[in-house]
PDB file of N, CA and C in Angstrom:
ATOM      1  N   PRO A   1      20.024 -14.190   3.510  1.00  0.00           N
ATOM      2  CA  PRO A   1      19.996 -13.210   3.049  1.00  0.00           C
ATOM      3  C   PRO A   1      18.583 -12.641   2.488  1.00  0.00           C
ATOM      4  N   TRP A   2      18.437 -11.464   2.004  1.00  0.00           N
ATOM      5  CA  TRP A   2      17.283 -11.004   1.645  1.00  0.00           C
ATOM      6  C   TRP A   2      16.483 -11.538   0.946  1.00  0.00           C
ATOM      7  N   ASP A   3      17.130 -12.072   0.078  1.00  0.00           N
ATOM      8  CA  ASP A   3      16.305 -12.584  -1.410  1.00  0.00           C
ATOM      9  C   ASP A   3      15.767 -13.977  -0.960  1.00  0.00           C
ATOM     10  N   ALA A   4      15.829 -14.684   0.143  1.00  0.00           N
ATOM     11  CA  ALA A   4      15.241 -15.632   0.684  1.00  0.00           C
ATOM     12  C   ALA A   4      14.050 -15.611   1.160  1.00  0.00           C
ATOM     13  N   TYR A   5      13.803 -14.239   1.047  1.00  0.00           N
ATOM     14  CA  TYR A   5      12.053 -13.573   1.798  1.00  0.00           C
ATOM     15  C   TYR A   5      11.396 -13.266   0.516  1.00  0.00           C
ATOM     16  N   GLU A   6       9.904 -13.864   0.526  1.00  0.00           N
ATOM     17  CA  GLU A   6       9.055 -13.686  -0.219  1.00  0.00           C
ATOM     18  C   GLU A   6       7.976 -12.895   0.354  1.00  0.00           C
ATOM     19  N   ALA A   7       7.801 -11.923  -0.582  1.00  0.00           N
ATOM     20  CA  ALA A   7       7.175 -10.613  -0.107  1.00  0.00           C
ATOM     21  C   ALA A   7       5.538 -10.998  -0.612  1.00  0.00           C
ATOM     22  N   GLU A   8       4.312 -10.524   0.666  1.00  0.00           N
ATOM     23  CA  GLU A   8       3.085 -10.817   0.560  1.00  0.00           C
ATOM     24  C   GLU A   8       2.395  -9.609   1.010  1.00  0.00           C
ATOM     25  N   MET A   9       1.047  -9.162   0.580  1.00  0.00           N
ATOM     26  CA  MET A   9       0.653  -8.082   1.101  1.00  0.00           C
ATOM     27  C   MET A   9      -1.192  -8.589   1.241  1.00  0.00           C
ATOM     28  N   GLU A  10      -1.598  -7.782   2.162  1.00  0.00           N
ATOM     29  CA  GLU A  10      -3.160  -8.370   2.237  1.00  0.00           C
ATOM     30  C   GLU A  10      -3.297  -6.639   2.895  1.00  0.00           C
ATOM     31  N   GLU A  11      -4.664  -6.410   2.223  1.00  0.00           N
ATOM     32  CA  GLU A  11      -5.499  -4.983   2.718  1.00  0.00           C
ATOM     33  C   GLU A  11      -6.794  -5.478   2.854  1.00  0.00           C
ATOM     34  N   ILE A  12      -7.479  -4.738   3.887  1.00  0.00           N
ATOM     35  CA  ILE A  12      -8.592  -5.089   4.123  1.00  0.00           C
ATOM     36  C   ILE A  12      -9.113  -3.832   4.178  1.00  0.00           C
ATOM     37  N   HIS A  13     -10.773  -3.463   3.836  1.00  0.00           N
ATOM     38  CA  HIS A  13     -11.657  -2.268   3.772  1.00  0.00           C
ATOM     39  C   HIS A  13     -12.632  -2.586   4.071  1.00  0.00           C
ATOM     40  N   HIS A  14     -13.559  -1.476   4.263  1.00  0.00           N
ATOM     41  CA  HIS A  14     -15.393  -1.848   4.420  1.00  0.00           C
ATOM     42  C   HIS A  14     -15.835  -2.282   3.402  1.00  0.00           C
ATOM     43  N   THR A  15     -16.731  -3.068   3.117  1.00  0.00           N
ATOM     44  CA  THR A  15     -17.535  -3.718   1.980  1.00  0.00           C
ATOM     45  C   THR A  15     -18.071  -2.495   1.179  1.00  0.00           C
ATOM     46  N   GLN A  16     -18.153  -1.396   1.409  1.00  0.00           N
ATOM     47  CA  GLN A  16     -18.572  -0.626   0.274  1.00  0.00           C
ATOM     48  C   GLN A  16     -17.341   0.150  -0.519  1.00  0.00           C
ATOM     49  N   LYS A  17     -16.350  -0.011  -0.117  1.00  0.00           N
ATOM     50  CA  LYS A  17     -15.210   0.271  -0.807  1.00  0.00           C
ATOM     51  C   LYS A  17     -15.005  -0.369  -2.291  1.00  0.00           C
ATOM     52  N   LYS A  18     -15.218   0.333  -3.309  1.00  0.00           N
ATOM     53  CA  LYS A  18     -15.307  -0.206  -4.615  1.00  0.00           C
ATOM     54  C   LYS A  18     -14.391  -0.555  -5.186  1.00  0.00           C
ATOM     55  N   ASP A  19     -12.964   0.158  -5.105  1.00  0.00           N
ATOM     56  CA  ASP A  19     -11.759  -0.280  -5.900  1.00  0.00           C
ATOM     57  C   ASP A  19     -11.054  -1.198  -4.760  1.00  0.00           C
ATOM     58  N   ALA A  20     -10.321  -2.491  -6.016  1.00  0.00           N
ATOM     59  CA  ALA A  20      -9.725  -3.522  -5.116  1.00  0.00           C
ATOM     60  C   ALA A  20      -8.592  -3.926  -5.948  1.00  0.00           C
ATOM     61  N   PRO A  21      -7.275  -3.569  -5.839  1.00  0.00           N
ATOM     62  CA  PRO A  21      -6.991  -2.849  -4.355  1.00  0.00           C
ATOM     63  C   PRO A  21      -7.040  -1.426  -4.413  1.00  0.00           C
ATOM     64  N   SER A  22      -6.913  -1.212  -3.136  1.00  0.00           N
ATOM     65  CA  SER A  22      -6.997   0.358  -2.580  1.00  0.00           C
ATOM     66  C   SER A  22      -5.754   1.223  -3.393  1.00  0.00           C
ATOM     67  N   GLY A  23      -5.766   2.152  -3.375  1.00  0.00           N
ATOM     68  CA  GLY A  23      -4.510   3.100  -3.638  1.00  0.00           C
ATOM     69  C   GLY A  23      -3.023   2.974  -3.232  1.00  0.00           C
ATOM     70  N   THR A  24      -3.662   2.846  -1.587  1.00  0.00           N
ATOM     71  CA  THR A  24      -2.238   2.597  -0.721  1.00  0.00           C
ATOM     72  C   THR A  24      -1.775   1.394  -1.038  1.00  0.00           C
ATOM     73  N   ALA A  25      -2.513   0.453  -1.227  1.00  0.00           N
ATOM     74  CA  ALA A  25      -2.100  -1.311  -1.482  1.00  0.00           C
ATOM     75  C   ALA A  25      -1.173  -0.853  -2.673  1.00  0.00           C
ATOM     76  N   ILE A  26      -1.733  -0.556  -3.655  1.00  0.00           N
ATOM     77  CA  ILE A  26      -0.874  -0.535  -5.075  1.00  0.00           C
ATOM     78  C   ILE A  26       0.517   0.256  -4.610  1.00  0.00           C
ATOM     79  N   THR A  27       0.240   1.471  -4.195  1.00  0.00           N
ATOM     80  CA  THR A  27       1.546   2.172  -3.857  1.00  0.00           C
ATOM     81  C   THR A  27       2.687   1.141  -3.211  1.00  0.00           C
ATOM     82  N   LEU A  28       2.383   0.826  -2.049  1.00  0.00           N
ATOM     83  CA  LEU A  28       2.993  -0.038  -1.330  1.00  0.00           C
ATOM     84  C   LEU A  28       3.677  -1.128  -2.282  1.00  0.00           C
ATOM     85  N   ALA A  29       2.801  -1.999  -2.992  1.00  0.00           N
ATOM     86  CA  ALA A  29       2.893  -2.969  -3.807  1.00  0.00           C
ATOM     87  C   ALA A  29       4.465  -2.369  -4.919  1.00  0.00           C
ATOM     88  N   GLU A  30       3.812  -0.930  -5.597  1.00  0.00           N
ATOM     89  CA  GLU A  30       4.895  -0.692  -6.483  1.00  0.00           C
ATOM     90  C   GLU A  30       5.862  -0.384  -5.743  1.00  0.00           C
ATOM     91  N   THR A  31       6.050   0.020  -4.634  1.00  0.00           N
ATOM     92  CA  THR A  31       7.302   0.180  -3.901  1.00  0.00           C
ATOM     93  C   THR A  31       8.418  -0.969  -3.432  1.00  0.00           C
ATOM     94  N   ILE A  32       7.617  -2.064  -3.145  1.00  0.00           N
ATOM     95  CA  ILE A  32       8.006  -3.394  -3.039  1.00  0.00           C
ATOM     96  C   ILE A  32       8.644  -3.987  -4.557  1.00  0.00           C
ATOM     97  N   ILE A  33       7.965  -3.484  -5.481  1.00  0.00           N
ATOM     98  CA  ILE A  33       8.400  -4.280  -6.804  1.00  0.00           C
ATOM     99  C   ILE A  33       9.879  -3.416  -7.107  1.00  0.00           C
ATOM    100  N   LYS A  34       9.782  -1.867  -7.061  1.00  0.00           N
ATOM    101  CA  LYS A  34      10.890  -1.498  -7.234  1.00  0.00           C
ATOM    102  C   LYS A  34      12.321  -1.616  -6.515  1.00  0.00           C
ATOM    103  N   ASN A  35      11.821  -2.329  -5.367  1.00  0.00           N
ATOM    104  CA  ASN A  35      13.376  -2.568  -4.371  1.00  0.00           C
ATOM    105  C   ASN A  35      13.324  -4.458  -4.799  1.00  0.00           C
ATOM    106  N   SER A  36      12.755  -5.201  -5.477  1.00  0.00           N
ATOM    107  CA  SER A  36      12.591  -6.676  -5.247  1.00  0.00           C
ATOM    108  C   SER A  36      12.820  -7.237  -6.594  1.00  0.00           C
ATOM    109  N   LYS A  37      12.715  -8.174  -6.759  1.00  0.00           N
ATOM    110  CA  LYS A  37      12.855  -9.219  -7.878  1.00  0.00           C
ATOM    111  C   LYS A  37      11.454  -9.327  -8.497  1.00  0.00           C
ATOM    112  N   LYS A  38      10.453  -8.878  -7.944  1.00  0.00           N
ATOM    113  CA  LYS A  38       8.941  -8.934  -8.203  1.00  0.00           C
ATOM    114  C   LYS A  38       8.699  -8.037  -9.450  1.00  0.00           C
ATOM    115  N   GLU A  39       7.964  -8.238 -10.512  1.00  0.00           N
ATOM    116  CA  GLU A  39       7.809  -7.374 -11.755  1.00  0.00           C
ATOM    117  C   GLU A  39       6.380  -7.091 -11.711  1.00  0.00           C
ATOM    118  N   LYS A  40       5.320  -7.483 -11.285  1.00  0.00           N
ATOM    119  CA  LYS A  40       4.338  -6.738 -10.981  1.00  0.00           C
ATOM    120  C   LYS A  40       3.360  -7.289  -9.962  1.00  0.00           C
ATOM    121  N   TRP A  41       2.105  -6.859  -9.410  1.00  0.00           N
ATOM    122  CA  TRP A  41       1.545  -6.852  -8.374  1.00  0.00           C
ATOM    123  C   TRP A  41       0.176  -7.869  -9.457  1.00  0.00           C
ATOM    124  N   THR A  42      -0.690  -8.720  -8.467  1.00  0.00           N
ATOM    125  CA  THR A  42      -1.727  -9.229  -9.352  1.00  0.00           C
ATOM    126  C   THR A  42      -2.832  -9.507  -7.888  1.00  0.00           C
ATOM    127  N   LEU A  43      -3.875  -9.784  -7.939  1.00  0.00           N
ATOM    128  CA  LEU A  43      -4.710 -10.305  -7.242  1.00  0.00           C
ATOM    129  C   LEU A  43      -5.036 -11.429  -7.379  1.00  0.00           C
ATOM    130  N   GLU A  44      -4.092 -12.192  -8.250  1.00  0.00           N
ATOM    131  CA  GLU A  44      -4.513 -13.670  -8.681  1.00  0.00           C
ATOM    132  C   GLU A  44      -3.249 -14.462  -7.867  1.00  0.00           C
ATOM    133  N   GLY A  45      -2.953 -15.593  -8.123  1.00  0.00           N
ATOM    134  CA  GLY A  45      -1.893 -16.298  -7.301  1.00  0.00           C
ATOM    135  C   GLY A  45      -0.181 -15.645  -7.301  1.00  0.00           C
ATOM    136  N   ALA A  46       0.064 -15.495  -6.290  1.00  0.00           N
ATOM    137  CA  ALA A  46       1.633 -15.046  -6.535  1.00  0.00           C
ATOM    138  C   ALA A  46       2.349 -16.129  -7.261  1.00  0.00           C
ATOM    139  N   SER A  47       3.685 -15.224  -7.537  1.00  0.00           N
ATOM    140  CA  SER A  47       4.794 -16.394  -8.306  1.00  0.00           C
ATOM    141  C   SER A  47       5.951 -15.735  -8.095  1.00  0.00           C
ATOM    142  N   GLN A  48       7.020 -16.345  -8.521  1.00  0.00           N
ATOM    143  CA  GLN A  48       8.293 -15.517  -8.333  1.00  0.00           C
ATOM    144  C   GLN A  48       8.560 -13.896  -9.038  1.00  0.00           C
ATOM    145  N   LYS A  49       7.919 -13.836  -9.737  1.00  0.00           N
ATOM    146  CA  LYS A  49       7.839 -12.233 -10.345  1.00  0.00           C
ATOM    147  C   LYS A  49       6.590 -11.390 -10.402  1.00  0.00           C
ATOM    148  N   MET A  50       5.600 -12.121  -9.619  1.00  0.00           N
ATOM    149  CA  MET A  50       4.033 -11.630  -9.240  1.00  0.00           C
ATOM    150  C   MET A  50       3.888 -11.379  -7.739  1.00  0.00           C
ATOM    151  N   LEU A  51       3.673 -10.115  -7.318  1.00  0.00           N
ATOM    152  CA  LEU A  51       3.267  -9.791  -5.892  1.00  0.00           C
ATOM    153  C   LEU A  51       2.116  -9.893  -5.765  1.00  0.00           C
ATOM    154  N   LYS A  52       1.497 -11.071  -4.990  1.00  0.00           N
ATOM    155  CA  LYS A  52       0.013 -10.902  -5.124  1.00  0.00           C
ATOM    156  C   LYS A  52      -0.495  -9.884  -4.089  1.00  0.00           C
ATOM    157  N   ILE A  53      -1.548  -9.434  -4.003  1.00  0.00           N
ATOM    158  CA  ILE A  53      -2.029  -8.411  -3.088  1.00  0.00           C
ATOM    159  C   ILE A  53      -3.687  -9.011  -2.662  1.00  0.00           C
ATOM    160  N   GLU A  54      -3.881  -9.529  -1.547  1.00  0.00           N
ATOM    161  CA  GLU A  54      -4.991 -10.136  -0.984  1.00  0.00           C
ATOM    162  C   GLU A  54      -5.774  -8.884  -0.717  1.00  0.00           C
ATOM    163  N   ALA A  55      -6.659  -8.653  -1.216  1.00  0.00           N
ATOM    164  CA  ALA A  55      -7.758  -7.667  -1.198  1.00  0.00           C
ATOM    165  C   ALA A  55      -9.195  -7.924  -0.528  1.00  0.00           C
ATOM    166  N   LYS A  56      -9.138  -7.979   0.809  1.00  0.00           N
ATOM    167  CA  LYS A  56     -10.377  -8.164   1.429  1.00  0.00           C
ATOM    168  C   LYS A  56     -11.430  -6.974   1.793  1.00  0.00           C
ATOM    169  N   ARG A  57     -12.582  -7.411   1.827  1.00  0.00           N
ATOM    170  CA  ARG A  57     -13.845  -6.290   2.162  1.00  0.00           C
ATOM    171  C   ARG A  57     -14.595  -7.127   3.092  1.00  0.00           C
ATOM    172  N   LEU A  58     -14.443  -6.424   4.069  1.00  0.00           N
ATOM    173  CA  LEU A  58     -15.276  -6.812   5.558  1.00  0.00           C
ATOM    174  C   LEU A  58     -16.314  -5.682   5.939  1.00  0.00           C
ATOM    175  N   ASP A  59     -17.084  -6.102   6.930  1.00  0.00           N
ATOM    176  CA  ASP A  59     -17.809  -4.909   7.160  1.00  0.00           C
ATOM    177  C   ASP A  59     -16.988  -4.046   8.335  1.00  0.00           C
ATOM    178  N   ASP A  60     -17.215  -2.767   8.319  1.00  0.00           N
ATOM    179  CA  ASP A  60     -16.671  -1.793   9.326  1.00  0.00           C
ATOM    180  C   ASP A  60     -15.402  -1.962   9.493  1.00  0.00           C
ATOM    181  N   VAL A  61     -14.573  -2.147   8.697  1.00  0.00           N
ATOM    182  CA  VAL A  61     -13.290  -1.762   8.644  1.00  0.00           C
ATOM    183  C   VAL A  61     -12.908  -0.761   8.067  1.00  0.00           C
ATOM    184  N   LYS A  62     -12.425   0.191   8.565  1.00  0.00           N
ATOM    185  CA  LYS A  62     -11.599   1.292   8.274  1.00  0.00           C
ATOM    186  C   LYS A  62     -10.404   1.362   7.164  1.00  0.00           C
ATOM    187  N   GLY A  63      -9.426   0.439   7.129  1.00  0.00           N
ATOM    188  CA  GLY A  63      -8.713  -0.227   6.352  1.00  0.00           C
ATOM    189  C   GLY A  63      -7.548  -0.553   7.313  1.00  0.00           C
ATOM    190  N   THR A  64      -6.979  -1.754   6.609  1.00  0.00           N
ATOM    191  CA  THR A  64      -6.017  -2.367   7.269  1.00  0.00           C
ATOM    192  C   THR A  64      -4.972  -2.598   6.289  1.00  0.00           C
ATOM    193  N   HIS A  65      -3.540  -2.541   6.176  1.00  0.00           N
ATOM    194  CA  HIS A  65      -2.385  -2.980   5.188  1.00  0.00           C
ATOM    195  C   HIS A  65      -1.344  -3.756   5.756  1.00  0.00           C
ATOM    196  N   THR A  66      -1.177  -5.088   5.185  1.00  0.00           N
ATOM    197  CA  THR A  66       0.098  -5.493   5.929  1.00  0.00           C
ATOM    198  C   THR A  66       0.819  -5.874   4.800  1.00  0.00           C
ATOM    199  N   VAL A  67       2.159  -5.947   5.243  1.00  0.00           N
ATOM    200  CA  VAL A  67       3.305  -6.285   4.406  1.00  0.00           C
ATOM    201  C   VAL A  67       3.937  -7.504   5.026  1.00  0.00           C
ATOM    202  N   LYS A  68       4.345  -8.166   4.383  1.00  0.00           N
ATOM    203  CA  LYS A  68       4.843  -9.772   4.938  1.00  0.00           C
ATOM    204  C   LYS A  68       5.985 -10.280   4.563  1.00  0.00           C
ATOM    205  N   TYR A  69       6.871 -10.407   5.155  1.00  0.00           N
ATOM    206  CA  TYR A  69       8.223 -11.005   4.241  1.00  0.00           C
ATOM    207  C   TYR A  69       8.222 -12.450   4.839  1.00  0.00           C
ATOM    208  N   VAL A  70       8.382 -13.411   4.085  1.00  0.00           N
ATOM    209  CA  VAL A  70       8.403 -14.851   4.698  1.00  0.00           C
ATOM    210  C   VAL A  70       9.700 -15.752   4.305  1.00  0.00           C
ATOM    211  N   SER A  71      10.081 -16.344   4.984  1.00  0.00           N
ATOM    212  CA  SER A  71      11.167 -17.158   4.516  1.00  0.00           C
ATOM    213  C   SER A  71      10.987 -18.535   4.919  1.00  0.00           C
ATOM    214  N   GLU A  72      11.818 -19.386   4.708  1.00  0.00           N
ATOM    215  CA  GLU A  72      11.704 -20.924   5.541  1.00  0.00           C
ATOM    216  C   GLU A  72      12.307 -21.124   6.954  1.00  0.00           C
ATOM    217  N   ILE A  73      12.637 -20.015   7.536  1.00  0.00           N
ATOM    218  CA  ILE A  73      12.929 -20.020   8.927  1.00  0.00           C
ATOM    219  C   ILE A  73      12.037 -19.272   9.750  1.00  0.00           C
ATOM    220  N   ASP A  74      11.779 -17.833   8.982  1.00  0.00           N
ATOM    221  CA  ASP A  74      10.814 -16.786   9.700  1.00  0.00           C
ATOM    222  C   ASP A  74      10.025 -16.099   8.677  1.00  0.00           C
ATOM    223  N   SER A  75       9.282 -15.199   9.357  1.00  0.00           N
ATOM    224  CA  SER A  75       8.735 -13.969   8.688  1.00  0.00           C
ATOM    225  C   SER A  75       8.831 -12.713   9.805  1.00  0.00           C
ATOM    226  N   ILE A  76       8.641 -11.523   8.642  1.00  0.00           N
ATOM    227  CA  ILE A  76       8.738 -10.375   9.108  1.00  0.00           C
ATOM    228  C   ILE A  76       7.278  -9.969   8.859  1.00  0.00           C
ATOM    229  N   SER A  77       6.648  -8.851   9.370  1.00  0.00           N
ATOM    230  CA  SER A  77       5.711  -8.335   8.968  1.00  0.00           C
ATOM    231  C   SER A  77       5.254  -6.743   9.670  1.00  0.00           C
ATOM    232  N   MET A  78       4.631  -5.918   8.809  1.00  0.00           N
ATOM    233  CA  MET A  78       4.289  -4.654   9.222  1.00  0.00           C
ATOM    234  C   MET A  78       2.838  -4.516   8.918  1.00  0.00           C
ATOM    235  N   THR A  79       2.258  -4.012  10.117  1.00  0.00           N
ATOM    236  CA  THR A  79       0.567  -3.838   9.782  1.00  0.00           C
ATOM    237  C   THR A  79       0.440  -2.331   9.892  1.00  0.00           C
ATOM    238  N   HIS A  80      -0.447  -1.531   9.384  1.00  0.00           N
ATOM    239  CA  HIS A  80      -1.084  -0.501   9.624  1.00  0.00           C
ATOM    240  C   HIS A  80      -2.615  -0.857   9.468  1.00  0.00           C
ATOM    241  N   GLU A  81      -3.270  -0.268  10.692  1.00  0.00           N
ATOM    242  CA  GLU A  81      -4.583  -0.309  10.965  1.00  0.00           C
ATOM    243  C   GLU A  81      -5.023   0.973  11.506  1.00  0.00           C
ATOM    244  N   ALA A  82      -6.051   1.454  10.671  1.00  0.00           N
ATOM    245  CA  ALA A  82      -6.699   2.652  10.906  1.00  0.00           C
ATOM    246  C   ALA A  82      -8.109   2.393  11.820  1.00  0.00           C
ATOM    247  N   PHE A  83      -8.106   3.251  12.970  1.00  0.00           N
ATOM    248  CA  PHE A  83      -9.383   2.670  13.629  1.00  0.00           C
ATOM    249  C   PHE A  83     -10.504   3.611  13.613  1.00  0.00           C
ATOM    250  N   THR A  84     -10.163   4.865  12.940  1.00  0.00           N
ATOM    251  CA  THR A  84     -11.366   5.612  12.569  1.00  0.00           C
ATOM    252  C   THR A  84     -10.889   6.393  10.788  1.00  0.00           C
ATOM    253  N   ARG A  85     -12.044   7.131  10.490  1.00  0.00           N
ATOM    254  CA  ARG A  85     -11.413   7.512   9.048  1.00  0.00           C
ATOM    255  C   ARG A  85     -11.120   8.899   9.132  1.00  0.00           C
ATOM    256  N   ASP A  86     -10.870   9.747  10.403  1.00  0.00           N
ATOM    257  CA  ASP A  86     -10.232  10.664  10.569  1.00  0.00           C
ATOM    258  C   ASP A  86      -8.975  10.952   9.886  1.00  0.00           C
ATOM    259  N   GLY A  87      -8.132  10.106   9.810  1.00  0.00           N
ATOM    260  CA  GLY A  87      -6.628  10.185   9.597  1.00  0.00           C
ATOM    261  C   GLY A  87      -6.821  10.376   7.799  1.00  0.00           C
ATOM    262  N   PHE A  88      -7.664   9.595   7.108  1.00  0.00           N
ATOM    263  CA  PHE A  88      -7.806   9.863   5.762  1.00  0.00           C
ATOM    264  C   PHE A  88      -8.388  11.274   5.396  1.00  0.00           C
ATOM    265  N   ALA A  89      -9.337  11.733   6.053  1.00  0.00           N
ATOM    266  CA  ALA A  89      -9.934  13.007   6.083  1.00  0.00           C
ATOM    267  C   ALA A  89      -8.784  14.212   6.773  1.00  0.00           C
ATOM    268  N   LYS A  90      -7.950  14.070   7.493  1.00  0.00           N
ATOM    269  CA  LYS A  90      -6.740  15.053   7.523  1.00  0.00           C
ATOM    270  C   LYS A  90      -5.896  14.903   6.625  1.00  0.00           C
ATOM    271  N   GLY A  91      -5.552  14.134   6.087  1.00  0.00           N
ATOM    272  CA  GLY A  91      -4.483  13.621   4.708  1.00  0.00           C
ATOM    273  C   GLY A  91      -5.177  14.577   3.606  1.00  0.00           C
ATOM    274  N   ALA A  92      -6.728  14.004   3.548  1.00  0.00           N
ATOM    275  CA  ALA A  92      -7.223  14.951   2.396  1.00  0.00           C
ATOM    276  C   ALA A  92      -7.079  16.487   2.561  1.00  0.00           C
ATOM    277  N   ILE A  93      -7.555  17.113   3.830  1.00  0.00           N
ATOM    278  CA  ILE A  93      -7.541  18.614   3.919  1.00  0.00           C
ATOM    279  C   ILE A  93      -5.737  18.725   3.774  1.00  0.00           C
ATOM    280  N   LEU A  94      -4.973  18.466   4.041  1.00  0.00           N
ATOM    281  CA  LEU A  94      -3.663  18.718   4.096  1.00  0.00           C
ATOM    282  C   LEU A  94      -3.262  18.906   2.512  1.00  0.00           C
ATOM    283  N   ALA A  95      -3.687  17.679   1.907  1.00  0.00           N
ATOM    284  CA  ALA A  95      -3.431  17.765   0.524  1.00  0.00           C
ATOM    285  C   ALA A  95      -4.157  18.822  -0.092  1.00  0.00           C
ATOM    286  N   ALA A  96      -5.269  19.125   0.304  1.00  0.00           N
ATOM    287  CA  ALA A  96      -6.117  20.464  -0.239  1.00  0.00           C
ATOM    288  C   ALA A  96      -5.157  21.756  -0.133  1.00  0.00           C
ATOM    289  N   GLU A  97      -5.191  21.649   1.310  1.00  0.00           N
ATOM    290  CA  GLU A  97      -4.247  23.143   1.335  1.00  0.00           C
ATOM    291  C   GLU A  97      -3.057  23.298   0.802  1.00  0.00           C
ATOM    292  N   TRP A  98      -2.293  22.347   0.609  1.00  0.00           N
ATOM    293  CA  TRP A  98      -0.811  22.057  -0.550  1.00  0.00           C
ATOM    294  C   TRP A  98      -1.171  22.534  -1.571  1.00  0.00           C
ATOM    295  N   LEU A  99      -2.260  22.077  -2.261  1.00  0.00           N
ATOM    296  CA  LEU A  99      -2.549  22.437  -3.607  1.00  0.00           C
ATOM    297  C   LEU A  99      -3.057  23.663  -4.068  1.00  0.00           C
ATOM    298  N   GLN A 100      -3.441  24.224  -3.071  1.00  0.00           N
ATOM    299  CA  GLN A 100      -3.904  26.129  -3.149  1.00  0.00           C
ATOM    300  C   GLN A 100      -2.756  26.684  -4.102  1.00  0.00           C
ATOM    301  N   ASP A 101      -2.981  27.055  -5.065  1.00  0.00           N
ATOM    302  CA  ASP A 101      -2.459  28.116  -6.213  1.00  0.00           C
ATOM    303  C   ASP A 101      -1.260  27.170  -6.974  1.00  0.00           C
ATOM    304  N   LYS A 102      -1.514  25.658  -6.764  1.00  0.00           N
ATOM    305  CA  LYS A 102      -0.325  24.759  -7.881  1.00  0.00           C
ATOM    306  C   LYS A 102      -1.200  24.537  -8.956  1.00  0.00           C
ATOM    307  N   LYS A 103      -0.422  24.241  -9.955  1.00  0.00           N
ATOM    308  CA  LYS A 103      -1.135  23.439 -11.269  1.00  0.00           C
ATOM    309  C   LYS A 103       0.010  22.385 -11.563  1.00  0.00           C
ATOM    310  N   GLY A 104      -1.089  21.284 -12.078  1.00  0.00           N
ATOM    311  CA  GLY A 104      -0.152  19.894 -12.428  1.00  0.00           C
ATOM    312  C   GLY A 104      -0.808  19.209 -11.714  1.00  0.00           C
ATOM    313  N   ILE A 105       0.150  17.913 -12.230  1.00  0.00           N
ATOM    314  CA  ILE A 105      -0.636  16.459 -11.165  1.00  0.00           C
ATOM    315  C   ILE A 105       0.533  16.114 -10.215  1.00  0.00           C
ATOM    316  N   PHE A 106      -0.058  15.727  -9.042  1.00  0.00           N
ATOM    317  CA  PHE A 106       0.662  15.646  -7.802  1.00  0.00           C
ATOM    318  C   PHE A 106       0.538  14.339  -7.044  1.00  0.00           C
ATOM    319  N   THR A 107       1.398  13.836  -6.183  1.00  0.00           N
ATOM    320  CA  THR A 107       0.620  12.926  -5.403  1.00  0.00           C
ATOM    321  C   THR A 107       1.278  13.213  -4.052  1.00  0.00           C
ATOM    322  N   MET A 108       0.581  12.220  -3.104  1.00  0.00           N
ATOM    323  CA  MET A 108       0.869  12.575  -1.852  1.00  0.00           C
ATOM    324  C   MET A 108       2.439  12.902  -1.348  1.00  0.00           C
ATOM    325  N   LYS A 109       3.167  12.010  -2.299  1.00  0.00           N
ATOM    326  CA  LYS A 109       4.743  12.083  -2.157  1.00  0.00           C
ATOM    327  C   LYS A 109       4.937  13.641  -2.264  1.00  0.00           C
ATOM    328  N   ASP A 110       4.581  14.420  -3.119  1.00  0.00           N
ATOM    329  CA  ASP A 110       4.779  15.533  -3.205  1.00  0.00           C
ATOM    330  C   ASP A 110       4.357  16.583  -2.210  1.00  0.00           C
ATOM    331  N   VAL A 111       3.102  16.399  -1.586  1.00  0.00           N
ATOM    332  CA  VAL A 111       2.522  16.885  -0.686  1.00  0.00           C
ATOM    333  C   VAL A 111       3.412  16.784   0.789  1.00  0.00           C
ATOM    334  N   LEU A 112       4.033  15.594   1.105  1.00  0.00           N
ATOM    335  CA  LEU A 112       4.518  15.250   2.103  1.00  0.00           C
ATOM    336  C   LEU A 112       5.886  15.456   2.260  1.00  0.00           C
ATOM    337  N   GLY A 113       6.643  16.076   0.805  1.00  0.00           N
ATOM    338  CA  GLY A 113       7.992  16.652   0.391  1.00  0.00           C
ATOM    339  C   GLY A 113       9.121  15.096   0.166  1.00  0.00           C
ATOM    340  N   PHE A 114       8.369  13.954  -0.187  1.00  0.00           N
ATOM    341  CA  PHE A 114       9.490  12.896  -0.193  1.00  0.00           C
ATOM    342  C   PHE A 114       9.789  12.970  -1.882  1.00  0.00           C
ATOM    343  N   SER A 115      10.903  12.658  -2.127  1.00  0.00           N
ATOM    344  CA  SER A 115      11.481  12.806  -3.294  1.00  0.00           C
ATOM    345  C   SER A 115      11.316  10.923  -4.251  1.00  0.00           C
ATOM    346  N   ASN A 116      11.257  10.495  -5.033  1.00  0.00           N
ATOM    347  CA  ASN A 116      10.876   9.502  -5.684  1.00  0.00           C
ATOM    348  C   ASN A 116      12.140   8.319  -5.146  1.00  0.00           C
ATOM    349  N   SER A 117      13.251   8.899  -4.928  1.00  0.00           N
ATOM    350  CA  SER A 117      14.365   8.168  -4.355  1.00  0.00           C
ATOM    351  C   SER A 117      13.803   7.876  -2.946  1.00  0.00           C
ATOM    352  N   GLU A 118      13.089   8.223  -2.093  1.00  0.00           N
ATOM    353  CA  GLU A 118      12.878   8.165  -0.704  1.00  0.00           C
ATOM    354  C   GLU A 118      12.021   6.805  -0.514  1.00  0.00           C
ATOM    355  N   LEU A 119      10.851   6.900  -1.449  1.00  0.00           N
ATOM    356  CA  LEU A 119       9.849   6.008  -1.382  1.00  0.00           C
ATOM    357  C   LEU A 119       9.965   4.766  -2.485  1.00  0.00           C
TER     358      LEU A 119
END
């Protein structure tokens, strides 16, 4: 069953990145928490109620995020690795164009047309 799996996260960025974990890692963690027995994320040790985000800063890494589910018999993982920063720039331009003539507070979910129930 699905509850036999423990969620794990790792995010890797360049050494000049100031925040840890990244906003993307936090968004992923919040989605996992919403759909699991985890209650909060932490940069410290994991527990049954705490999802640990391992935040690494390495030279010349554009951005890598891995979500892993581990059980006693196997593991399932998904990784996104950015090879350049072009995608981040395109996302920022897309968001800026979408924001034109709008007022309020928005997230990328709004820009991409996702409802809160979809993510």
